[in-house]
């Protein structure tokens, strides 16, 4: 089976949407109950988002064109950073659920910062495109 970059971008976007929705449901559940109930969904949502970001990075790599290589490189790097950030979020939440609340919160916060950095790289790449 040959997978084109466009297919991976679309699949990645769907997974990002699904992961965000799963995470939002978990966060809402956690907020409404004032307990850890729902953190498992937040963890799973971050994992799904990490897969989505990875697919988008791979898809953009397959579509790399010499004309826009510079801007696309920022998009690709940003997507990988976002995937890494999502993984760090999932690890941090898992640590919290395992009892290492302070360390888990710190790891989760670092993951969010890495995601933000990835988004900044993607934004910069978008600013370089026509």
Protein backbone atom coordinates (compact mmCIF):
# COMPACT_ATOMS: atom_id res chain seq x y z
CA UNK A 1 0.00 0.00 0.00
CA UNK A 2 1.36 3.39 -0.99
CA UNK A 3 0.48 6.16 1.42
CA UNK A 4 0.67 9.67 0.10
CA UNK A 5 1.49 12.64 2.25
CA UNK A 6 -1.99 14.14 1.86
CA UNK A 7 -3.58 10.99 3.28
CA UNK A 8 -1.31 11.13 6.31
CA UNK A 9 -2.05 14.84 6.87
CA UNK A 10 -5.79 14.21 6.80
CA UNK A 11 -5.56 11.13 9.01
CA UNK A 12 -3.36 13.06 11.43
CA UNK A 13 -5.84 15.93 11.55
CA UNK A 14 -8.68 13.53 12.34
CA UNK A 15 -6.65 11.93 15.11
CA UNK A 16 -5.78 15.35 16.53
CA UNK A 17 -9.46 16.23 16.63
CA UNK A 18 -10.43 12.92 18.22
CA UNK A 19 -7.59 13.13 20.76
CA UNK A 20 -8.54 16.68 21.69
CA UNK A 21 -12.17 15.66 22.14
CA UNK A 22 -11.25 12.63 24.31
CA UNK A 23 -8.96 14.83 26.42
CA UNK A 24 -11.63 17.51 26.78
CA UNK A 25 -14.20 14.98 27.94
CA UNK A 26 -11.71 13.68 30.51
CA UNK A 27 -10.81 17.18 31.69
CA UNK A 28 -14.50 18.10 32.01
CA UNK A 29 -15.17 14.96 34.00
CA UNK A 30 -12.22 15.67 36.26
CA UNK A 31 -13.29 19.28 36.80
CA UNK A 32 -16.93 18.42 37.55
CA UNK A 33 -16.07 15.70 40.06
CA UNK A 34 -13.06 17.48 41.62
CA UNK A 35 -11.25 14.12 41.56
CA UNK A 36 -8.83 12.23 39.33
CA UNK A 37 -11.82 10.72 37.56
CA UNK A 38 -11.27 11.52 33.89
CA UNK A 39 -7.47 11.78 33.99
CA UNK A 40 -7.29 8.44 32.20
CA UNK A 41 -9.18 9.99 29.28
CA UNK A 42 -6.87 13.02 29.28
CA UNK A 43 -3.91 10.61 29.15
CA UNK A 44 -5.46 8.66 26.25
CA UNK A 45 -6.35 11.88 24.42
CA UNK A 46 -2.74 13.04 24.60
CA UNK A 47 -1.59 9.69 23.24
CA UNK A 48 -3.99 9.93 20.32
CA UNK A 49 -2.84 13.49 19.61
CA UNK A 50 0.80 12.35 19.63
CA UNK A 51 0.01 9.79 16.93
CA UNK A 52 -1.85 12.46 14.94
CA UNK A 53 1.07 14.89 15.13
CA UNK A 54 3.48 12.13 14.10
CA UNK A 55 1.36 11.27 11.06
CA UNK A 56 1.30 14.91 10.07
CA UNK A 57 5.08 15.20 10.39
CA UNK A 58 5.57 12.08 8.26
CA UNK A 59 3.00 13.28 5.72
CA UNK A 60 4.70 16.65 5.36
CA UNK A 61 8.07 14.88 4.99
CA UNK A 62 6.67 12.82 2.12
CA UNK A 63 5.38 15.98 0.44
CA UNK A 64 8.61 17.95 0.88
CA UNK A 65 9.11 20.13 -2.16
CA UNK A 66 12.40 21.97 -2.90
CA UNK A 67 10.44 25.17 -3.59
CA UNK A 68 9.09 25.40 -0.06
CA UNK A 69 11.58 23.21 1.78
CA UNK A 70 12.49 25.87 4.33
CA UNK A 71 8.93 26.54 5.51
CA UNK A 72 7.99 22.86 5.39
CA UNK A 73 10.98 22.00 7.56
CA UNK A 74 9.57 24.28 10.27
CA UNK A 75 6.17 22.58 9.94
CA UNK A 76 7.75 19.12 10.22
CA UNK A 77 9.93 20.04 13.19
CA UNK A 78 6.97 21.71 14.91
CA UNK A 79 4.76 18.67 14.44
CA UNK A 80 7.43 16.40 15.93
CA UNK A 81 7.82 18.77 18.89
CA UNK A 82 4.07 18.72 19.46
CA UNK A 83 4.11 14.91 19.40
CA UNK A 84 6.92 14.89 21.96
CA UNK A 85 4.98 17.36 24.10
CA UNK A 86 1.87 15.17 23.97
CA UNK A 87 3.92 12.16 25.03
CA UNK A 88 5.38 14.16 27.93
CA UNK A 89 1.84 15.17 28.94
CA UNK A 90 0.73 11.54 28.90
CA UNK A 91 3.75 10.46 30.95
CA UNK A 92 3.14 13.27 33.45
CA UNK A 93 -0.51 12.33 33.87
CA UNK A 94 0.44 8.67 34.30
CA UNK A 95 2.92 9.71 36.99
CA UNK A 96 0.17 11.66 38.76
CA UNK A 97 -2.15 8.66 38.64
CA UNK A 98 0.65 6.49 40.06
CA UNK A 99 1.07 8.77 43.07
CA UNK A 100 3.93 11.05 41.99
CA UNK A 101 1.68 14.09 41.82
CA UNK A 102 4.32 16.83 42.05
CA UNK A 103 6.71 15.22 39.56
CA UNK A 104 3.84 14.34 37.24
CA UNK A 105 2.52 17.89 37.29
CA UNK A 106 5.99 19.20 36.47
CA UNK A 107 6.38 16.73 33.58
CA UNK A 108 2.90 17.61 32.29
CA UNK A 109 3.76 21.31 32.38
CA UNK A 110 7.02 20.72 30.49
CA UNK A 111 5.06 18.76 27.89
CA UNK A 112 2.67 21.65 27.42
CA UNK A 113 5.62 24.01 26.97
CA UNK A 114 7.13 21.72 24.33
CA UNK A 115 3.77 21.61 22.53
CA UNK A 116 3.65 25.40 22.56
CA UNK A 117 7.16 25.57 21.12
CA UNK A 118 6.10 23.15 18.37
CA UNK A 119 3.10 25.31 17.55
CA UNK A 120 5.40 28.34 17.37
CA UNK A 121 7.64 26.56 14.85
CA UNK A 122 4.61 25.63 12.75
CA UNK A 123 3.37 29.22 12.89
CA UNK A 124 6.75 30.49 11.77
CA UNK A 125 6.71 27.98 8.90
CA UNK A 126 3.26 29.22 7.90
CA UNK A 127 4.53 32.79 7.87
CA UNK A 128 7.18 31.80 5.32
CA UNK A 129 4.65 30.34 2.86
CA UNK A 130 2.99 32.47 0.26
